[in-house]
Amino acid sequence: MPSRARFKPTLRQTIRSNTVALESLAHQFGVTQQGAEHIAAMREEVSAADAKAAARKPRTPYAGIPEAEIQKAIIRFLLQHPAVAMVERINSGAVYGDAGNFIRFHTLMLPKRYRHIRMRVVDLNVMLNDGRRMAIECKRDGWKSPMGDREREQAAYLAHVREAGGIGIFATCVEDVAVALLVGGYKP
């Protein structure tokens, strides 16, 4: 039977399951005063974490076009463009298997001379009819520039594609992709 992948439990889930296990062992083997205090402290920690999570302000809804919608529009545009031979949607990430093994969805392997650069794969890899490569990281409407490690690593990946002769861009709309293709010499 194939292994079912699952996401790593959160810290709160781990603490909660450990507390349940400790309570079960305590009832089975008898509880010392120190053990009872430890279990009570863990239970308070779980309750405090639950209360803190409940008290968080809800996220304000984003009024612009979400990244998923932008990505769909870009894919539709690319599939109709005469210079495009193939569009590949990359979904990177990882989960834990039933046996506790770490399963990656995507692995980026680089020659030794580039291994010092931290890169992260982007949303779309496009092969153009002349064999040239285009890499696109789709971002929500209104996105301005890379912030945080994830986006800086994506920017490094796009720069690597450009240095190797390809087209690498962040795109917040179909027009960004159309302009990049025009600048790259590909007419609609």
N, C-alpha and C. Protein backbone atom coordinates (compact mmCIF):
# COMPACT_ATOMS: atom_id res chain seq x y z
N MET A 1 0.84 -1.18 0.00
CA MET A 1 0.00 0.00 0.00
C MET A 1 0.89 1.24 0.00
N PRO A 2 0.61 2.24 -0.85
CA PRO A 2 1.46 3.43 -0.90
C PRO A 2 1.38 4.23 0.38
N SER A 3 2.50 4.85 0.69
CA SER A 3 2.59 5.68 1.89
C SER A 3 1.82 6.98 1.67
N ARG A 4 1.07 7.40 2.68
CA ARG A 4 0.36 8.67 2.59
C ARG A 4 1.26 9.75 3.17
N ALA A 5 1.46 10.81 2.43
CA ALA A 5 2.30 11.91 2.89
C ALA A 5 1.49 12.77 3.85
N ARG A 6 2.17 13.36 4.81
CA ARG A 6 1.50 14.26 5.74
C ARG A 6 2.44 15.40 6.08
N PHE A 7 1.87 16.50 6.47
CA PHE A 7 2.68 17.65 6.85
C PHE A 7 3.18 17.47 8.27
N LYS A 8 4.32 18.07 8.55
CA LYS A 8 4.91 18.02 9.88
C LYS A 8 3.95 18.67 10.87
N PRO A 9 3.75 18.05 12.07
CA PRO A 9 2.84 18.66 13.04
C PRO A 9 3.39 19.99 13.56
N THR A 10 2.47 20.87 13.91
CA THR A 10 2.88 22.15 14.47
C THR A 10 3.40 21.93 15.88
N LEU A 11 4.08 22.93 16.41
CA LEU A 11 4.59 22.84 17.78
C LEU A 11 3.45 22.63 18.76
N ARG A 12 2.34 23.36 18.57
CA ARG A 12 1.20 23.23 19.47
C ARG A 12 0.63 21.82 19.42
N GLN A 13 0.54 21.21 18.23
CA GLN A 13 0.05 19.83 18.11
C GLN A 13 0.99 18.85 18.82
N THR A 14 2.28 19.09 18.69
CA THR A 14 3.26 18.22 19.34
C THR A 14 3.14 18.31 20.86
N ILE A 15 3.05 19.53 21.39
CA ILE A 15 2.91 19.72 22.83
C ILE A 15 1.63 19.07 23.33
N ARG A 16 0.54 19.25 22.57
CA ARG A 16 -0.75 18.66 22.97
C ARG A 16 -0.66 17.14 23.02
N SER A 17 -0.07 16.51 22.00
CA SER A 17 0.03 15.05 21.98
C SER A 17 0.98 14.55 23.08
N ASN A 18 2.04 15.30 23.36
CA ASN A 18 2.94 14.92 24.46
C ASN A 18 2.23 15.01 25.80
N THR A 19 1.39 16.02 25.98
CA THR A 19 0.64 16.17 27.23
C THR A 19 -0.32 14.99 27.42
N VAL A 20 -1.01 14.62 26.37
CA VAL A 20 -1.93 13.47 26.44
C VAL A 20 -1.16 12.20 26.79
N ALA A 21 0.00 12.01 26.16
CA ALA A 21 0.81 10.82 26.44
C ALA A 21 1.29 10.81 27.89
N LEU A 22 1.73 11.96 28.38
CA LEU A 22 2.18 12.04 29.78
C LEU A 22 1.04 11.75 30.75
N GLU A 23 -0.14 12.28 30.47
CA GLU A 23 -1.29 12.02 31.35
C GLU A 23 -1.63 10.53 31.36
N SER A 24 -1.57 9.90 30.19
CA SER A 24 -1.86 8.48 30.09
C SER A 24 -0.85 7.66 30.90
N LEU A 25 0.43 8.00 30.75
CA LEU A 25 1.47 7.29 31.51
C LEU A 25 1.33 7.55 33.01
N ALA A 26 0.96 8.77 33.37
CA ALA A 26 0.82 9.12 34.78
C ALA A 26 -0.29 8.30 35.41
N HIS A 27 -1.41 8.12 34.73
CA HIS A 27 -2.51 7.33 35.28
C HIS A 27 -2.15 5.85 35.34
N GLN A 28 -1.36 5.41 34.35
CA GLN A 28 -0.99 4.00 34.30
C GLN A 28 0.02 3.64 35.38
N PHE A 29 0.99 4.52 35.65
CA PHE A 29 2.08 4.18 36.56
C PHE A 29 2.04 4.95 37.87
N GLY A 30 1.04 5.77 38.06
CA GLY A 30 0.97 6.56 39.28
C GLY A 30 1.74 7.86 39.08
N VAL A 31 1.30 8.90 39.71
CA VAL A 31 1.87 10.23 39.50
C VAL A 31 2.53 10.71 40.78
N THR A 32 3.74 11.23 40.63
CA THR A 32 4.39 11.89 41.75
C THR A 32 3.93 13.35 41.76
N GLN A 33 4.17 14.03 42.85
CA GLN A 33 3.79 15.44 42.94
C GLN A 33 4.48 16.25 41.85
N GLN A 34 5.77 15.99 41.64
CA GLN A 34 6.54 16.72 40.63
C GLN A 34 5.98 16.43 39.23
N GLY A 35 5.62 15.19 38.96
CA GLY A 35 5.04 14.83 37.66
C GLY A 35 3.71 15.51 37.44
N ALA A 36 2.88 15.56 38.47
CA ALA A 36 1.57 16.21 38.35
C ALA A 36 1.75 17.71 38.07
N GLU A 37 2.73 18.32 38.71
CA GLU A 37 2.99 19.75 38.47
C GLU A 37 3.47 19.98 37.04
N HIS A 38 4.32 19.06 36.55
CA HIS A 38 4.82 19.18 35.18
C HIS A 38 3.67 19.06 34.17
N ILE A 39 2.79 18.09 34.38
CA ILE A 39 1.64 17.91 33.48
C ILE A 39 0.73 19.14 33.53
N ALA A 40 0.50 19.68 34.71
CA ALA A 40 -0.34 20.87 34.85
C ALA A 40 0.29 22.06 34.12
N ALA A 41 1.61 22.19 34.22
CA ALA A 41 2.31 23.29 33.54
C ALA A 41 2.18 23.14 32.02
N MET A 42 2.32 21.91 31.52
CA MET A 42 2.18 21.69 30.08
C MET A 42 0.76 21.99 29.62
N ARG A 43 -0.23 21.59 30.43
CA ARG A 43 -1.62 21.86 30.07
C ARG A 43 -1.87 23.37 30.01
N GLU A 44 -1.30 24.12 30.95
CA GLU A 44 -1.44 25.58 30.94
C GLU A 44 -0.77 26.18 29.70
N GLU A 45 0.37 25.64 29.33
CA GLU A 45 1.08 26.13 28.14
C GLU A 45 0.23 25.93 26.88
N VAL A 46 -0.40 24.75 26.77
CA VAL A 46 -1.27 24.48 25.62
C VAL A 46 -2.47 25.43 25.63
N SER A 47 -3.07 25.64 26.81
CA SER A 47 -4.22 26.54 26.92
C SER A 47 -3.83 27.97 26.57
N ALA A 48 -2.66 28.40 27.02
CA ALA A 48 -2.19 29.76 26.72
C ALA A 48 -1.95 29.92 25.22
N ALA A 49 -1.37 28.91 24.58
CA ALA A 49 -1.13 28.97 23.13
C ALA A 49 -2.45 29.01 22.37
N ASP A 50 -3.44 28.22 22.83
CA ASP A 50 -4.75 28.24 22.19
C ASP A 50 -5.42 29.60 22.35
N ALA A 51 -5.32 30.19 23.54
CA ALA A 51 -5.92 31.50 23.79
C ALA A 51 -5.24 32.57 22.94
N LYS A 52 -3.91 32.49 22.83
CA LYS A 52 -3.18 33.46 22.02
C LYS A 52 -3.57 33.36 20.55
N ALA A 53 -3.73 32.13 20.06
CA ALA A 53 -4.13 31.94 18.67
C ALA A 53 -5.54 32.47 18.43
N ALA A 54 -6.43 32.27 19.39
CA ALA A 54 -7.81 32.75 19.25
C ALA A 54 -7.88 34.27 19.30
N ALA A 55 -6.94 34.90 20.03
CA ALA A 55 -6.98 36.35 20.20
C ALA A 55 -6.32 37.10 19.05
N ARG A 56 -5.62 36.39 18.16
CA ARG A 56 -4.96 37.06 17.04
C ARG A 56 -5.97 37.79 16.18
N LYS A 57 -5.54 38.95 15.70
CA LYS A 57 -6.41 39.70 14.81
C LYS A 57 -6.54 38.92 13.51
N PRO A 58 -7.74 38.87 12.98
CA PRO A 58 -7.88 38.19 11.69
C PRO A 58 -7.14 38.98 10.62
N ARG A 59 -6.63 38.28 9.64
CA ARG A 59 -5.93 38.95 8.54
C ARG A 59 -6.91 39.84 7.79
N THR A 60 -6.41 40.99 7.42
CA THR A 60 -7.25 41.88 6.63
C THR A 60 -7.34 41.32 5.22
N PRO A 61 -8.51 41.30 4.65
CA PRO A 61 -8.63 40.75 3.31
C PRO A 61 -7.88 41.60 2.29
N TYR A 62 -7.24 40.93 1.35
CA TYR A 62 -6.49 41.61 0.31
C TYR A 62 -7.45 41.95 -0.82
N ALA A 63 -7.44 43.20 -1.24
CA ALA A 63 -8.41 43.67 -2.23
C ALA A 63 -7.95 43.41 -3.67
N GLY A 64 -6.66 43.16 -3.88
CA GLY A 64 -6.14 42.99 -5.24
C GLY A 64 -6.38 41.59 -5.78
N ILE A 65 -5.78 41.33 -6.92
CA ILE A 65 -5.91 40.03 -7.57
C ILE A 65 -4.94 39.05 -6.89
N PRO A 66 -5.42 37.90 -6.44
CA PRO A 66 -4.53 36.94 -5.77
C PRO A 66 -3.54 36.31 -6.74
N GLU A 67 -2.44 35.82 -6.19
CA GLU A 67 -1.37 35.23 -6.99
C GLU A 67 -1.87 34.07 -7.83
N ALA A 68 -2.74 33.23 -7.29
CA ALA A 68 -3.24 32.07 -8.03
C ALA A 68 -3.97 32.49 -9.30
N GLU A 69 -4.75 33.56 -9.23
CA GLU A 69 -5.48 34.04 -10.41
C GLU A 69 -4.51 34.61 -11.45
N ILE A 70 -3.50 35.33 -10.97
CA ILE A 70 -2.48 35.89 -11.87
C ILE A 70 -1.74 34.76 -12.57
N GLN A 71 -1.39 33.74 -11.80
CA GLN A 71 -0.67 32.60 -12.37
C GLN A 71 -1.50 31.91 -13.46
N LYS A 72 -2.79 31.71 -13.21
CA LYS A 72 -3.66 31.07 -14.22
C LYS A 72 -3.71 31.91 -15.49
N ALA A 73 -3.84 33.23 -15.33
CA ALA A 73 -3.90 34.11 -16.50
C ALA A 73 -2.58 34.07 -17.29
N ILE A 74 -1.46 34.04 -16.58
CA ILE A 74 -0.15 33.98 -17.24
C ILE A 74 -0.01 32.66 -18.00
N ILE A 75 -0.42 31.57 -17.40
CA ILE A 75 -0.34 30.26 -18.07
C ILE A 75 -1.20 30.26 -19.33
N ARG A 76 -2.43 30.78 -19.24
CA ARG A 76 -3.30 30.85 -20.42
C ARG A 76 -2.65 31.68 -21.54
N PHE A 77 -2.05 32.81 -21.15
CA PHE A 77 -1.37 33.67 -22.12
C PHE A 77 -0.21 32.92 -22.78
N LEU A 78 0.62 32.27 -21.96
CA LEU A 78 1.80 31.57 -22.50
C LEU A 78 1.40 30.45 -23.45
N LEU A 79 0.34 29.72 -23.11
CA LEU A 79 -0.08 28.61 -23.96
C LEU A 79 -0.61 29.07 -25.32
N GLN A 80 -0.98 30.33 -25.43
CA GLN A 80 -1.46 30.87 -26.70
C GLN A 80 -0.36 31.60 -27.48
N HIS A 81 0.78 31.85 -26.82
CA HIS A 81 1.85 32.60 -27.47
C HIS A 81 2.58 31.69 -28.46
N PRO A 82 2.82 32.15 -29.70
CA PRO A 82 3.45 31.30 -30.71
C PRO A 82 4.90 30.90 -30.40
N ALA A 83 5.59 31.62 -29.53
CA ALA A 83 6.99 31.30 -29.23
C ALA A 83 7.13 30.24 -28.14
N VAL A 84 6.02 29.84 -27.51
CA VAL A 84 6.08 28.93 -26.36
C VAL A 84 5.89 27.48 -26.80
N ALA A 85 6.83 26.62 -26.41
CA ALA A 85 6.74 25.19 -26.71
C ALA A 85 6.15 24.41 -25.54
N MET A 86 6.39 24.87 -24.31
CA MET A 86 5.93 24.12 -23.14
C MET A 86 5.94 25.03 -21.91
N VAL A 87 4.95 24.83 -21.04
CA VAL A 87 4.89 25.54 -19.75
C VAL A 87 4.85 24.47 -18.66
N GLU A 88 5.74 24.60 -17.70
CA GLU A 88 5.81 23.65 -16.59
C GLU A 88 5.52 24.38 -15.29
N ARG A 89 4.48 23.95 -14.58
CA ARG A 89 4.13 24.53 -13.28
C ARG A 89 4.87 23.76 -12.21
N ILE A 90 5.66 24.46 -11.40
CA ILE A 90 6.45 23.83 -10.35
C ILE A 90 5.77 24.06 -9.01
N ASN A 91 5.53 22.99 -8.28
CA ASN A 91 4.96 23.10 -6.95
C ASN A 91 5.99 22.50 -5.99
N SER A 92 6.78 23.35 -5.37
CA SER A 92 7.83 22.83 -4.49
C SER A 92 7.33 22.79 -3.06
N GLY A 93 8.00 22.03 -2.24
CA GLY A 93 7.63 21.89 -0.83
C GLY A 93 8.08 20.54 -0.33
N ALA A 94 7.57 20.15 0.83
CA ALA A 94 7.94 18.87 1.41
C ALA A 94 6.91 18.44 2.44
N VAL A 95 6.84 17.14 2.67
CA VAL A 95 5.98 16.56 3.70
C VAL A 95 6.74 15.42 4.37
N TYR A 96 6.17 14.89 5.44
CA TYR A 96 6.71 13.72 6.09
C TYR A 96 5.85 12.52 5.70
N GLY A 97 6.49 11.40 5.32
CA GLY A 97 5.78 10.18 4.99
C GLY A 97 5.36 9.44 6.25
N ASP A 98 4.63 8.33 6.09
CA ASP A 98 4.15 7.54 7.23
C ASP A 98 5.29 7.05 8.11
N ALA A 99 6.43 6.76 7.50
CA ALA A 99 7.57 6.25 8.26
C ALA A 99 8.40 7.37 8.88
N GLY A 100 7.93 8.61 8.76
CA GLY A 100 8.67 9.74 9.31
C GLY A 100 9.74 10.27 8.38
N ASN A 101 9.79 9.73 7.16
CA ASN A 101 10.80 10.17 6.19
C ASN A 101 10.38 11.49 5.56
N PHE A 102 11.36 12.30 5.26
CA PHE A 102 11.14 13.63 4.68
C PHE A 102 11.07 13.49 3.17
N ILE A 103 9.96 13.92 2.56
CA ILE A 103 9.77 13.79 1.12
C ILE A 103 9.71 15.18 0.50
N ARG A 104 10.67 15.48 -0.37
CA ARG A 104 10.68 16.76 -1.07
C ARG A 104 9.94 16.61 -2.39
N PHE A 105 9.18 17.65 -2.75
CA PHE A 105 8.48 17.64 -4.03
C PHE A 105 9.41 18.05 -5.17
N HIS A 106 10.43 18.81 -4.84
CA HIS A 106 11.30 19.33 -5.89
C HIS A 106 12.68 19.53 -5.30
N THR A 107 13.71 19.14 -6.03
CA THR A 107 15.09 19.32 -5.59
C THR A 107 15.86 20.07 -6.66
N LEU A 108 16.56 21.10 -6.27
CA LEU A 108 17.37 21.90 -7.19
C LEU A 108 18.82 21.47 -7.02
N MET A 109 19.43 20.99 -8.10
CA MET A 109 20.83 20.56 -8.05
C MET A 109 21.65 21.47 -8.94
N LEU A 110 22.75 21.96 -8.40
CA LEU A 110 23.59 22.92 -9.12
C LEU A 110 25.01 22.41 -9.25
N PRO A 111 25.71 22.80 -10.32
CA PRO A 111 27.14 22.48 -10.41
C PRO A 111 27.88 23.10 -9.23
N LYS A 112 29.02 22.56 -8.93
CA LYS A 112 29.78 22.97 -7.75
C LYS A 112 30.04 24.48 -7.69
N ARG A 113 30.30 25.09 -8.85
CA ARG A 113 30.64 26.52 -8.86
C ARG A 113 29.48 27.42 -8.42
N TYR A 114 28.25 26.89 -8.39
CA TYR A 114 27.08 27.69 -7.99
C TYR A 114 26.50 27.29 -6.63
N ARG A 115 27.05 26.29 -6.00
CA ARG A 115 26.45 25.77 -4.76
C ARG A 115 26.49 26.74 -3.59
N HIS A 116 27.31 27.77 -3.66
CA HIS A 116 27.37 28.74 -2.57
C HIS A 116 26.20 29.72 -2.62
N ILE A 117 25.45 29.72 -3.72
CA ILE A 117 24.31 30.63 -3.87
C ILE A 117 23.04 29.90 -3.46
N ARG A 118 22.32 30.48 -2.53
CA ARG A 118 21.05 29.88 -2.11
C ARG A 118 19.96 30.28 -3.11
N MET A 119 19.38 29.27 -3.74
CA MET A 119 18.33 29.51 -4.74
C MET A 119 17.11 28.69 -4.40
N ARG A 120 15.97 29.20 -4.82
CA ARG A 120 14.71 28.49 -4.64
C ARG A 120 13.97 28.50 -5.98
N VAL A 121 13.44 27.36 -6.37
CA VAL A 121 12.76 27.23 -7.64
C VAL A 121 11.53 28.15 -7.70
N VAL A 122 11.18 28.57 -8.92
CA VAL A 122 10.07 29.50 -9.11
C VAL A 122 8.83 28.76 -9.62
N ASP A 123 7.74 29.50 -9.81
CA ASP A 123 6.45 28.90 -10.16
C ASP A 123 6.39 28.25 -11.53
N LEU A 124 6.92 28.93 -12.54
CA LEU A 124 6.77 28.46 -13.91
C LEU A 124 8.10 28.38 -14.64
N ASN A 125 8.32 27.27 -15.32
CA ASN A 125 9.45 27.12 -16.23
C ASN A 125 8.86 26.97 -17.62
N VAL A 126 9.33 27.79 -18.54
CA VAL A 126 8.79 27.82 -19.89
C VAL A 126 9.91 27.48 -20.86
N MET A 127 9.62 26.59 -21.80
CA MET A 127 10.56 26.33 -22.88
C MET A 127 10.02 27.01 -24.12
N LEU A 128 10.84 27.85 -24.71
CA LEU A 128 10.46 28.55 -25.92
C LEU A 128 10.83 27.70 -27.13
N ASN A 129 10.23 27.97 -28.26
CA ASN A 129 10.42 27.14 -29.46
C ASN A 129 11.87 27.03 -29.91
N ASP A 130 12.68 28.04 -29.61
CA ASP A 130 14.09 27.99 -30.01
C ASP A 130 14.98 27.32 -28.96
N GLY A 131 14.35 26.74 -27.92
CA GLY A 131 15.10 26.04 -26.87
C GLY A 131 15.49 26.91 -25.70
N ARG A 132 15.27 28.19 -25.80
CA ARG A 132 15.60 29.11 -24.72
C ARG A 132 14.63 28.89 -23.56
N ARG A 133 15.10 29.18 -22.39
CA ARG A 133 14.31 28.97 -21.18
C ARG A 133 13.82 30.29 -20.62
N MET A 134 12.61 30.26 -20.08
CA MET A 134 12.04 31.41 -19.38
C MET A 134 11.55 30.91 -18.03
N ALA A 135 11.94 31.61 -16.96
CA ALA A 135 11.49 31.26 -15.61
C ALA A 135 10.68 32.43 -15.07
N ILE A 136 9.52 32.12 -14.46
CA ILE A 136 8.62 33.16 -13.97
C ILE A 136 8.20 32.84 -12.54
N GLU A 137 8.35 33.80 -11.67
CA GLU A 137 7.79 33.71 -10.32
C GLU A 137 6.60 34.66 -10.27
N CYS A 138 5.42 34.10 -10.11
CA CYS A 138 4.19 34.90 -10.08
C CYS A 138 3.98 35.48 -8.69
N LYS A 139 3.61 36.74 -8.65
CA LYS A 139 3.33 37.43 -7.37
C LYS A 139 1.98 38.12 -7.47
N ARG A 140 1.39 38.36 -6.32
CA ARG A 140 0.08 39.00 -6.28
C ARG A 140 0.16 40.42 -6.81
N ASP A 141 -0.97 40.93 -7.20
CA ASP A 141 -1.10 42.29 -7.69
C ASP A 141 -0.61 43.26 -6.61
N GLY A 142 0.22 44.21 -6.99
CA GLY A 142 0.72 45.20 -6.02
C GLY A 142 2.06 44.84 -5.41
N TRP A 143 2.59 43.65 -5.67
CA TRP A 143 3.89 43.23 -5.13
C TRP A 143 4.96 44.13 -5.74
N LYS A 144 5.96 44.52 -4.94
CA LYS A 144 6.98 45.47 -5.42
C LYS A 144 8.36 44.85 -5.60
N SER A 145 8.92 44.26 -4.56
CA SER A 145 10.28 43.73 -4.65
C SER A 145 10.49 42.62 -3.63
N PRO A 146 11.54 41.80 -3.83
CA PRO A 146 11.79 40.67 -2.93
C PRO A 146 11.99 41.10 -1.48
N MET A 147 11.28 40.43 -0.60
CA MET A 147 11.44 40.63 0.84
C MET A 147 11.49 39.25 1.49
N GLY A 148 12.38 39.05 2.39
CA GLY A 148 12.49 37.77 3.07
C GLY A 148 13.37 36.80 2.30
N ASP A 149 13.80 35.76 2.99
CA ASP A 149 14.73 34.78 2.41
C ASP A 149 14.13 34.08 1.19
N ARG A 150 12.87 33.67 1.28
CA ARG A 150 12.24 32.93 0.19
C ARG A 150 12.31 33.72 -1.12
N GLU A 151 11.88 34.98 -1.08
CA GLU A 151 11.86 35.79 -2.30
C GLU A 151 13.26 36.15 -2.77
N ARG A 152 14.21 36.35 -1.84
CA ARG A 152 15.60 36.62 -2.26
C ARG A 152 16.20 35.39 -2.95
N GLU A 153 15.86 34.19 -2.46
CA GLU A 153 16.34 32.97 -3.09
C GLU A 153 15.69 32.77 -4.46
N GLN A 154 14.43 33.16 -4.60
CA GLN A 154 13.77 33.12 -5.91
C GLN A 154 14.43 34.12 -6.87
N ALA A 155 14.77 35.31 -6.35
CA ALA A 155 15.46 36.32 -7.17
C ALA A 155 16.81 35.78 -7.65
N ALA A 156 17.52 35.06 -6.79
CA ALA A 156 18.81 34.48 -7.17
C ALA A 156 18.62 33.44 -8.28
N TYR A 157 17.56 32.66 -8.19
CA TYR A 157 17.25 31.67 -9.23
C TYR A 157 16.99 32.37 -10.56
N LEU A 158 16.17 33.43 -10.53
CA LEU A 158 15.85 34.17 -11.76
C LEU A 158 17.11 34.81 -12.35
N ALA A 159 17.98 35.35 -11.50
CA ALA A 159 19.24 35.94 -11.96
C ALA A 159 20.12 34.87 -12.61
N HIS A 160 20.14 33.68 -12.02
CA HIS A 160 20.91 32.56 -12.56
C HIS A 160 20.41 32.20 -13.96
N VAL A 161 19.10 32.17 -14.15
CA VAL A 161 18.53 31.87 -15.46
C VAL A 161 18.94 32.94 -16.47
N ARG A 162 18.88 34.21 -16.06
CA ARG A 162 19.26 35.31 -16.97
C ARG A 162 20.75 35.23 -17.33
N GLU A 163 21.60 34.95 -16.33
CA GLU A 163 23.04 34.85 -16.59
C GLU A 163 23.37 33.71 -17.55
N ALA A 164 22.51 32.67 -17.56
CA ALA A 164 22.74 31.53 -18.45
C ALA A 164 22.11 31.76 -19.83
N GLY A 165 21.55 32.96 -20.07
CA GLY A 165 21.00 33.29 -21.38
C GLY A 165 19.50 33.18 -21.50
N GLY A 166 18.83 32.86 -20.40
CA GLY A 166 17.38 32.74 -20.43
C GLY A 166 16.70 34.03 -20.01
N ILE A 167 15.41 33.96 -19.84
CA ILE A 167 14.61 35.09 -19.36
C ILE A 167 14.10 34.70 -17.98
N GLY A 168 14.36 35.53 -16.98
CA GLY A 168 13.91 35.25 -15.62
C GLY A 168 13.26 36.49 -15.04
N ILE A 169 11.97 36.38 -14.67
CA ILE A 169 11.26 37.57 -14.17
C ILE A 169 10.32 37.24 -13.01
N PHE A 170 10.05 38.25 -12.21
CA PHE A 170 8.91 38.24 -11.30
C PHE A 170 7.77 38.84 -12.12
N ALA A 171 6.58 38.28 -12.02
CA ALA A 171 5.44 38.81 -12.79
C ALA A 171 4.24 38.99 -11.88
N THR A 172 3.63 40.18 -11.97
CA THR A 172 2.41 40.46 -11.21
C THR A 172 1.20 40.55 -12.13
N CYS A 173 1.43 40.38 -13.43
CA CYS A 173 0.34 40.43 -14.40
C CYS A 173 0.82 39.84 -15.73
N VAL A 174 -0.11 39.60 -16.62
CA VAL A 174 0.21 39.06 -17.94
C VAL A 174 1.10 40.03 -18.72
N GLU A 175 0.88 41.32 -18.53
CA GLU A 175 1.66 42.32 -19.26
C GLU A 175 3.15 42.21 -18.95
N ASP A 176 3.51 41.88 -17.71
CA ASP A 176 4.93 41.70 -17.36
C ASP A 176 5.56 40.62 -18.22
N VAL A 177 4.83 39.54 -18.44
CA VAL A 177 5.33 38.42 -19.25
C VAL A 177 5.40 38.83 -20.72
N ALA A 178 4.37 39.51 -21.20
CA ALA A 178 4.35 39.95 -22.60
C ALA A 178 5.53 40.87 -22.89
N VAL A 179 5.81 41.80 -21.99
CA VAL A 179 6.94 42.73 -22.16
C VAL A 179 8.26 41.96 -22.16
N ALA A 180 8.41 41.02 -21.24
CA ALA A 180 9.65 40.24 -21.17
C ALA A 180 9.88 39.46 -22.46
N LEU A 181 8.82 38.91 -23.02
CA LEU A 181 8.95 38.18 -24.29
C LEU A 181 9.32 39.12 -25.42
N LEU A 182 8.69 40.29 -25.46
CA LEU A 182 9.01 41.28 -26.51
C LEU A 182 10.47 41.73 -26.40
N VAL A 183 10.92 42.05 -25.19
CA VAL A 183 12.31 42.47 -24.98
C VAL A 183 13.27 41.34 -25.34
N GLY A 184 12.83 40.10 -25.10
CA GLY A 184 13.67 38.94 -25.44
C GLY A 184 13.67 38.62 -26.92
N GLY A 185 12.87 39.36 -27.71
CA GLY A 185 12.88 39.15 -29.15
C GLY A 185 11.77 38.26 -29.67
N TYR A 186 10.75 38.02 -28.86
CA TYR A 186 9.65 37.13 -29.26
C TYR A 186 8.38 37.95 -29.49
N LYS A 187 7.94 37.99 -30.74
CA LYS A 187 6.74 38.74 -31.10
C LYS A 187 5.51 37.87 -30.93
N PRO A 188 4.38 38.49 -30.58
CA PRO A 188 3.15 37.69 -30.39
C PRO A 188 2.61 37.14 -31.70
